[in-house]
């Protein structure tokens, strides 16, 4: 697996090229762990990840290690299979797999959109 990391100020983009599974999880975690302490925003760019198993859930929803940096983690470019896995995990355990954290522009699932009343 190839992994490209780009740091711009306090933001970092990590782009894995290939599937995310338990064989590729250690180098992906190592890429995130190697980020400088001043990085506060981490974006996982999954445009080149066609498949993700539960290792991806471990990667994206891992608790912050004690004393580790507090980073906001988001994702972009999620292909259909990884997206289905994220939705399934969120449906089964919404408190553990909070997609509004990964997709910050997504309204919480408990909000209902209603059409405005008018003529």
C-alpha atoms as a PDB file:
ATOM      1  CA  UNK A   1       0.000   0.000   0.000  1.00  0.00           C
ATOM      2  CA  UNK A   2       1.187   3.478  -0.820  1.00  0.00           C
ATOM      3  CA  UNK A   3       0.354   6.239   1.636  1.00  0.00           C
ATOM      4  CA  UNK A   4       0.766   9.934   0.852  1.00  0.00           C
ATOM      5  CA  UNK A   5       0.758  12.466   3.678  1.00  0.00           C
ATOM      6  CA  UNK A   6       0.493  16.197   3.014  1.00  0.00           C
ATOM      7  CA  UNK A   7       0.778  18.684   5.873  1.00  0.00           C
ATOM      8  CA  UNK A   8      -0.411  22.266   5.459  1.00  0.00           C
ATOM      9  CA  UNK A   9      -0.111  24.278   8.660  1.00  0.00           C
ATOM     10  CA  UNK A  10      -2.242  22.592  11.308  1.00  0.00           C
ATOM     11  CA  UNK A  11      -4.006  20.302   8.812  1.00  0.00           C
ATOM     12  CA  UNK A  12      -2.878  16.992   7.372  1.00  0.00           C
ATOM     13  CA  UNK A  13      -4.310  14.885   4.549  1.00  0.00           C
ATOM     14  CA  UNK A  14      -3.449  11.206   4.484  1.00  0.00           C
ATOM     15  CA  UNK A  15      -4.293   9.388   1.251  1.00  0.00           C
ATOM     16  CA  UNK A  16      -4.020   5.590   1.215  1.00  0.00           C
ATOM     17  CA  UNK A  17      -3.786   3.927  -2.199  1.00  0.00           C
ATOM     18  CA  UNK A  18      -5.374   0.508  -1.816  1.00  0.00           C
ATOM     19  CA  UNK A  19      -7.702  -1.428   0.419  1.00  0.00           C
ATOM     20  CA  UNK A  20      -7.916  -0.890   4.159  1.00  0.00           C
ATOM     21  CA  UNK A  21      -7.767  -4.172   6.059  1.00  0.00           C
ATOM     22  CA  UNK A  22      -5.900  -5.588   9.036  1.00  0.00           C
ATOM     23  CA  UNK A  23      -2.716  -6.009   6.939  1.00  0.00           C
ATOM     24  CA  UNK A  24      -2.677  -2.330   5.973  1.00  0.00           C
ATOM     25  CA  UNK A  25      -3.905  -0.982   9.323  1.00  0.00           C
ATOM     26  CA  UNK A  26      -0.440  -0.790  11.014  1.00  0.00           C
ATOM     27  CA  UNK A  27       1.179   1.418   8.325  1.00  0.00           C
ATOM     28  CA  UNK A  28      -1.906   3.651   8.245  1.00  0.00           C
ATOM     29  CA  UNK A  29      -1.813   4.077  12.014  1.00  0.00           C
ATOM     30  CA  UNK A  30       1.926   4.732  11.795  1.00  0.00           C
ATOM     31  CA  UNK A  31       1.293   7.502   9.236  1.00  0.00           C
ATOM     32  CA  UNK A  32      -1.194   9.171  11.579  1.00  0.00           C
ATOM     33  CA  UNK A  33       1.047   8.664  14.621  1.00  0.00           C
ATOM     34  CA  UNK A  34       3.979  10.254  12.770  1.00  0.00           C
ATOM     35  CA  UNK A  35       2.146  13.553  12.325  1.00  0.00           C
ATOM     36  CA  UNK A  36       3.658  16.477  14.203  1.00  0.00           C
ATOM     37  CA  UNK A  37       1.966  17.495  17.447  1.00  0.00           C
ATOM     38  CA  UNK A  38       0.857  20.840  15.990  1.00  0.00           C
ATOM     39  CA  UNK A  39      -1.490  19.087  13.513  1.00  0.00           C
ATOM     40  CA  UNK A  40      -5.030  19.510  14.845  1.00  0.00           C
ATOM     41  CA  UNK A  41      -7.049  18.444  11.789  1.00  0.00           C
ATOM     42  CA  UNK A  42      -6.601  15.090  10.054  1.00  0.00           C
ATOM     43  CA  UNK A  43      -8.414  14.324   6.808  1.00  0.00           C
ATOM     44  CA  UNK A  44      -8.392  10.762   5.491  1.00  0.00           C
ATOM     45  CA  UNK A  45      -8.770  10.996   1.714  1.00  0.00           C
ATOM     46  CA  UNK A  46     -10.335   7.689   0.675  1.00  0.00           C
ATOM     47  CA  UNK A  47     -10.695   8.427  -3.047  1.00  0.00           C
ATOM     48  CA  UNK A  48      -8.324   5.546  -3.849  1.00  0.00           C
ATOM     49  CA  UNK A  49      -9.755   3.048  -1.343  1.00  0.00           C
ATOM     50  CA  UNK A  50     -12.338   0.818  -3.018  1.00  0.00           C
ATOM     51  CA  UNK A  51     -12.584  -1.674  -0.138  1.00  0.00           C
ATOM     52  CA  UNK A  52     -12.489  -1.301   3.626  1.00  0.00           C
ATOM     53  CA  UNK A  53     -13.202  -3.976   6.228  1.00  0.00           C
ATOM     54  CA  UNK A  54     -13.670  -3.482   9.956  1.00  0.00           C
ATOM     55  CA  UNK A  55     -10.026  -2.411  10.217  1.00  0.00           C
ATOM     56  CA  UNK A  56     -11.155   0.868   8.675  1.00  0.00           C
ATOM     57  CA  UNK A  57     -13.585   1.331  11.553  1.00  0.00           C
ATOM     58  CA  UNK A  58     -10.722   0.778  13.986  1.00  0.00           C
ATOM     59  CA  UNK A  59      -8.656   3.348  12.107  1.00  0.00           C
ATOM     60  CA  UNK A  60     -11.317   6.037  11.868  1.00  0.00           C
ATOM     61  CA  UNK A  61     -12.916   5.595  15.289  1.00  0.00           C
ATOM     62  CA  UNK A  62      -9.936   4.636  17.455  1.00  0.00           C
ATOM     63  CA  UNK A  63      -9.972   6.378  20.809  1.00  0.00           C
ATOM     64  CA  UNK A  64      -7.240   8.931  21.364  1.00  0.00           C
ATOM     65  CA  UNK A  65      -4.323   7.401  23.250  1.00  0.00           C
ATOM     66  CA  UNK A  66      -3.677   8.910  26.690  1.00  0.00           C
ATOM     67  CA  UNK A  67      -1.456  11.930  26.264  1.00  0.00           C
ATOM     68  CA  UNK A  68      -1.850  11.817  22.488  1.00  0.00           C
ATOM     69  CA  UNK A  69      -2.772  14.860  20.436  1.00  0.00           C
ATOM     70  CA  UNK A  70      -6.428  15.804  20.221  1.00  0.00           C
ATOM     71  CA  UNK A  71      -7.156  15.855  16.485  1.00  0.00           C
ATOM     72  CA  UNK A  72     -10.385  16.393  14.616  1.00  0.00           C
ATOM     73  CA  UNK A  73     -10.607  13.501  12.158  1.00  0.00           C
ATOM     74  CA  UNK A  74     -12.733  13.700   9.021  1.00  0.00           C
ATOM     75  CA  UNK A  75     -12.953  11.755   5.758  1.00  0.00           C
ATOM     76  CA  UNK A  76     -13.410  12.707   2.141  1.00  0.00           C
ATOM     77  CA  UNK A  77     -13.831  10.835  -1.132  1.00  0.00           C
ATOM     78  CA  UNK A  78     -15.460   7.749   0.370  1.00  0.00           C
ATOM     79  CA  UNK A  79     -16.238   5.127  -2.289  1.00  0.00           C
ATOM     80  CA  UNK A  80     -19.454   3.091  -2.210  1.00  0.00           C
ATOM     81  CA  UNK A  81     -18.297  -0.044  -0.337  1.00  0.00           C
ATOM     82  CA  UNK A  82     -16.526   1.807   2.509  1.00  0.00           C
ATOM     83  CA  UNK A  83     -19.515   4.148   2.740  1.00  0.00           C
ATOM     84  CA  UNK A  84     -21.910   1.196   3.078  1.00  0.00           C
ATOM     85  CA  UNK A  85     -19.720  -0.191   5.870  1.00  0.00           C
ATOM     86  CA  UNK A  86     -19.765   3.157   7.691  1.00  0.00           C
ATOM     87  CA  UNK A  87     -23.565   3.406   7.372  1.00  0.00           C
ATOM     88  CA  UNK A  88     -24.017  -0.171   8.587  1.00  0.00           C
ATOM     89  CA  UNK A  89     -21.766   0.423  11.606  1.00  0.00           C
ATOM     90  CA  UNK A  90     -23.611   3.663  12.408  1.00  0.00           C
ATOM     91  CA  UNK A  91     -26.987   1.915  12.124  1.00  0.00           C
ATOM     92  CA  UNK A  92     -25.899  -0.880  14.471  1.00  0.00           C
ATOM     93  CA  UNK A  93     -24.030   1.247  17.034  1.00  0.00           C
ATOM     94  CA  UNK A  94     -24.770   4.964  16.508  1.00  0.00           C
ATOM     95  CA  UNK A  95     -23.160   6.041  19.787  1.00  0.00           C
ATOM     96  CA  UNK A  96     -19.866   4.351  18.874  1.00  0.00           C
ATOM     97  CA  UNK A  97     -19.806   5.139  15.146  1.00  0.00           C
ATOM     98  CA  UNK A  98     -20.930   8.770  15.010  1.00  0.00           C
ATOM     99  CA  UNK A  99     -20.736   9.697  11.341  1.00  0.00           C
ATOM    100  CA  UNK A 100     -21.387  13.371  12.056  1.00  0.00           C
ATOM    101  CA  UNK A 101     -17.856  13.422  13.483  1.00  0.00           C
ATOM    102  CA  UNK A 102     -16.341  12.033  10.261  1.00  0.00           C
ATOM    103  CA  UNK A 103     -18.613  13.998   7.924  1.00  0.00           C
ATOM    104  CA  UNK A 104     -18.964  17.333   9.743  1.00  0.00           C
ATOM    105  CA  UNK A 105     -21.332  18.822   7.158  1.00  0.00           C
ATOM    106  CA  UNK A 106     -23.847  16.005   7.703  1.00  0.00           C
ATOM    107  CA  UNK A 107     -26.786  16.794   9.973  1.00  0.00           C
ATOM    108  CA  UNK A 108     -27.344  14.391  12.894  1.00  0.00           C
ATOM    109  CA  UNK A 109     -29.569  11.434  12.000  1.00  0.00           C
ATOM    110  CA  UNK A 110     -32.158  12.401  14.614  1.00  0.00           C
ATOM    111  CA  UNK A 111     -32.971  15.617  12.722  1.00  0.00           C
ATOM    112  CA  UNK A 112     -35.863  15.413  10.295  1.00  0.00           C
ATOM    113  CA  UNK A 113     -35.885  17.755   7.328  1.00  0.00           C
ATOM    114  CA  UNK A 114     -39.279  19.139   6.549  1.00  0.00           C
ATOM    115  CA  UNK A 115     -40.344  21.084   3.511  1.00  0.00           C
ATOM    116  CA  UNK A 116     -41.261  24.692   4.245  1.00  0.00           C
ATOM    117  CA  UNK A 117     -44.949  25.423   4.178  1.00  0.00           C
ATOM    118  CA  UNK A 118     -46.068  27.937   1.666  1.00  0.00           C
ATOM    119  CA  UNK A 119     -48.297  28.662  -1.306  1.00  0.00           C
END
